[in-house]
Amino acid sequence: MSARGKVAIEKGRRLTGSLLVVCVLGTALGVAGGAQAAGLVTGKQIKDGTVTTKDVRDATITTDEVEGSSITPVDIAGDVRGPKGPQGDLGATGAPGLEVVDFAEATLDLAAGASGVRTATCPPGLVAVSGGPAAAQGSPVRVLDNAPYGTVGNERRSWVTRVQNDSPVTVRVDIWAACAEVR
């Protein structure tokens, strides 16, 4: 072998040895640097919304590690309800109610500046549960009194209204009562 060939082989060995040293050092630094970087990353350095559930290994975050009330149902995707439970017992029957079955009406013609009273009375067996006056739209009629009339309970069959006509003309006012069956 010539001298030139021996020199070339020697240079190749040195180059290979140097490359091997560089590769070993690079690998060592990469592993050590990665481990060190993992210890230095904090939540403040992570942009909001960039870490997702696929980035977190199952069972690595527990309820003890979550700040109180920081996760709400809105944060959880999917249905978080459990299975439907058994049918409960039938509840108690409610109190008897009202059923409006009729309306009673009385008419009152009021002269300018006059006041008057009318009573709308429900048919027998029904109770007046609501009522009041109804005058033509724009008529300046003032309600002075508006209330049920009669003794308590099922005897309260009427609704009485007293009104004042504040206009310069005669006004027709209808007094009505909502009549209900009380059970």
Protein backbone atom coordinates (compact mmCIF):
# COMPACT_ATOMS: atom_id res chain seq x y z
CA MET A 1 0.00 0.00 0.00
CA SER A 2 1.25 3.39 -0.82
CA ALA A 3 1.99 6.13 1.66
CA ARG A 4 -0.84 8.20 0.27
CA GLY A 5 -3.32 5.33 0.94
CA LYS A 6 -2.09 4.92 4.50
CA VAL A 7 -2.60 8.62 5.16
CA ALA A 8 -6.13 8.46 3.73
CA ILE A 9 -7.05 5.49 5.94
CA GLU A 10 -5.63 7.23 9.00
CA LYS A 11 -7.65 10.41 8.24
CA GLY A 12 -10.81 8.31 7.80
CA ARG A 13 -10.30 6.65 11.19
CA ARG A 14 -9.84 9.99 12.90
CA LEU A 15 -12.90 11.41 11.14
CA THR A 16 -15.02 8.39 12.10
CA GLY A 17 -13.83 8.62 15.71
CA SER A 18 -14.62 12.33 15.79
CA LEU A 19 -18.09 11.77 14.36
CA LEU A 20 -18.75 9.08 16.93
CA VAL A 21 -17.77 11.45 19.77
CA VAL A 22 -19.99 14.22 18.33
CA CYS A 23 -22.97 11.84 18.01
CA VAL A 24 -22.58 10.54 21.56
CA LEU A 25 -22.29 14.08 22.95
CA GLY A 26 -25.30 15.26 20.90
CA THR A 27 -27.46 12.40 22.10
CA ALA A 28 -26.44 12.95 25.73
CA LEU A 29 -27.12 16.67 25.53
CA GLY A 30 -30.45 16.09 23.78
CA VAL A 31 -31.68 13.70 26.44
CA ALA A 32 -30.45 15.85 29.31
CA GLY A 33 -31.72 19.04 27.69
CA GLY A 34 -35.18 17.50 27.11
CA ALA A 35 -35.43 16.34 30.69
CA GLN A 36 -34.37 19.72 31.93
CA ALA A 37 -36.85 21.49 29.59
CA ALA A 38 -39.70 19.29 30.83
CA GLY A 39 -39.03 20.47 34.35
CA LEU A 40 -39.03 24.12 33.32
CA VAL A 41 -42.32 24.36 31.34
CA THR A 42 -45.11 25.91 33.42
CA GLY A 43 -48.79 26.57 32.81
CA LYS A 44 -48.01 30.25 32.28
CA GLN A 45 -45.84 29.33 29.30
CA ILE A 46 -48.55 27.22 27.61
CA LYS A 47 -50.92 29.15 25.35
CA ASP A 48 -54.59 28.70 26.32
CA GLY A 49 -56.37 26.04 24.31
CA THR A 50 -53.22 24.31 23.02
CA VAL A 51 -53.21 21.34 25.42
CA THR A 52 -56.15 19.00 24.73
CA THR A 53 -57.37 15.74 26.25
CA LYS A 54 -55.34 13.72 23.74
CA ASP A 55 -52.20 15.39 25.18
CA VAL A 56 -53.01 14.17 28.72
CA ARG A 57 -52.57 10.50 29.56
CA ASP A 58 -55.60 8.80 31.17
CA ALA A 59 -55.75 8.90 34.98
CA THR A 60 -52.83 11.35 35.28
CA ILE A 61 -54.90 14.26 36.62
CA THR A 62 -57.05 13.60 39.69
CA THR A 63 -59.70 15.66 41.43
CA ASP A 64 -57.19 16.58 44.13
CA GLU A 65 -55.11 18.38 41.49
CA VAL A 66 -57.99 20.49 40.10
CA GLU A 67 -58.64 23.83 41.78
CA GLY A 68 -62.05 23.96 43.48
CA SER A 69 -64.96 24.68 41.11
CA SER A 70 -62.61 25.41 38.21
CA ILE A 71 -64.19 22.69 36.06
CA THR A 72 -67.89 23.19 35.37
CA PRO A 73 -70.38 21.03 33.41
CA VAL A 74 -69.84 23.35 30.42
CA ASP A 75 -66.17 22.22 30.34
CA ILE A 76 -67.16 18.56 29.98
CA ALA A 77 -68.10 17.32 26.53
CA GLY A 78 -70.81 14.69 26.20
CA ASP A 79 -73.59 13.49 28.45
CA VAL A 80 -72.52 13.41 32.10
CA ARG A 81 -75.84 12.09 33.41
CA GLY A 82 -76.10 8.61 34.79
CA PRO A 83 -78.71 6.05 33.84
CA LYS A 84 -82.38 6.81 34.47
CA GLY A 85 -83.54 5.72 37.91
CA PRO A 86 -86.68 3.79 38.82
CA GLN A 87 -90.13 5.40 38.67
CA GLY A 88 -91.02 7.16 41.91
CA ASP A 89 -94.23 6.82 43.92
CA LEU A 90 -97.33 8.67 42.79
CA GLY A 91 -97.64 12.07 44.48
CA ALA A 92 -100.55 13.24 46.60
CA THR A 93 -103.64 14.66 44.92
CA GLY A 94 -103.59 18.44 44.82
CA ALA A 95 -106.12 20.78 46.37
CA PRO A 96 -109.36 21.37 44.47
CA GLY A 97 -109.04 24.13 41.94
CA LEU A 98 -111.16 26.60 40.09
CA GLU A 99 -112.67 26.34 36.67
CA VAL A 100 -114.06 29.51 35.12
CA VAL A 101 -117.32 28.45 33.53
CA ASP A 102 -119.20 31.69 32.92
CA PHE A 103 -119.05 35.49 32.96
CA ALA A 104 -121.57 37.92 34.43
CA GLU A 105 -121.99 41.49 33.22
CA ALA A 106 -123.75 44.70 34.26
CA THR A 107 -123.88 48.00 32.35
CA LEU A 108 -123.58 51.51 33.73
CA ASP A 109 -124.13 54.75 31.76
CA LEU A 110 -122.28 57.57 33.52
CA ALA A 111 -123.04 61.23 32.84
CA ALA A 112 -120.14 63.69 32.56
CA GLY A 113 -118.42 64.10 35.95
CA ALA A 114 -120.67 61.50 37.64
CA SER A 115 -119.72 58.39 39.60
CA GLY A 116 -121.66 55.17 39.94
CA VAL A 117 -121.66 51.62 41.30
CA ARG A 118 -122.69 48.38 39.57
CA THR A 119 -122.55 44.75 40.62
CA ALA A 120 -122.14 41.81 38.24
CA THR A 121 -123.67 38.68 39.80
CA CYS A 122 -122.84 35.10 38.87
CA PRO A 123 -125.51 32.38 38.47
CA PRO A 124 -126.33 30.24 41.55
CA GLY A 125 -123.61 27.70 42.44
CA LEU A 126 -120.81 29.82 40.95
CA VAL A 127 -118.42 32.19 42.73
CA ALA A 128 -117.08 35.52 41.43
CA VAL A 129 -113.28 35.09 41.36
CA SER A 130 -112.31 38.19 39.38
CA GLY A 131 -113.87 41.19 37.73
CA GLY A 132 -113.69 44.84 36.87
CA PRO A 133 -114.78 47.64 34.56
CA ALA A 134 -114.38 47.94 30.79
CA ALA A 135 -115.02 51.31 29.12
CA ALA A 136 -114.52 52.47 25.55
CA GLN A 137 -110.85 52.95 24.68
CA GLY A 138 -109.64 56.43 25.55
CA SER A 139 -112.51 57.11 27.94
CA PRO A 140 -111.19 58.85 31.08
CA VAL A 141 -112.93 56.59 33.63
CA ARG A 142 -111.34 56.27 37.04
CA VAL A 143 -111.84 53.11 39.15
CA LEU A 144 -112.66 54.03 42.74
CA ASP A 145 -113.46 50.53 44.12
CA ASN A 146 -113.19 47.07 42.57
CA ALA A 147 -113.71 43.94 44.72
CA PRO A 148 -115.66 40.73 45.29
CA TYR A 149 -119.01 41.22 46.99
CA GLY A 150 -120.86 38.89 49.31
CA THR A 151 -120.12 36.72 52.30
CA VAL A 152 -117.11 34.44 52.31
CA GLY A 153 -116.74 31.18 50.40
CA ASN A 154 -119.39 29.94 48.00
CA GLU A 155 -121.71 32.84 48.90
CA ARG A 156 -119.45 35.37 47.19
CA ARG A 157 -121.35 35.42 43.89
CA SER A 158 -120.86 39.05 42.86
CA TRP A 159 -118.20 41.56 41.81
CA VAL A 160 -118.77 45.22 42.62
CA THR A 161 -117.13 48.19 40.91
CA ARG A 162 -117.43 51.93 41.59
CA VAL A 163 -116.17 54.26 38.85
CA GLN A 164 -115.90 58.02 38.18
CA ASN A 165 -116.46 59.56 34.72
CA ASP A 166 -113.89 62.36 34.31
CA SER A 167 -114.89 63.18 30.72
CA PRO A 168 -117.26 65.92 29.44
CA VAL A 169 -119.59 63.34 27.82
CA THR A 170 -121.66 60.35 28.97
CA VAL A 171 -119.66 57.10 29.00
CA ARG A 172 -120.92 53.49 29.00
CA VAL A 173 -119.02 51.21 31.39
CA ASP A 174 -119.44 47.43 31.45
CA ILE A 175 -118.79 45.75 34.79
CA TRP A 176 -117.92 42.05 34.50
CA ALA A 177 -117.24 39.10 36.80
CA ALA A 178 -115.49 35.80 36.06
CA CYS A 179 -117.67 33.03 37.55
CA ALA A 180 -116.11 29.74 38.66
CA GLU A 181 -117.06 26.42 40.14
CA VAL A 182 -115.25 25.87 43.42
CA ARG A 183 -114.76 22.19 44.27
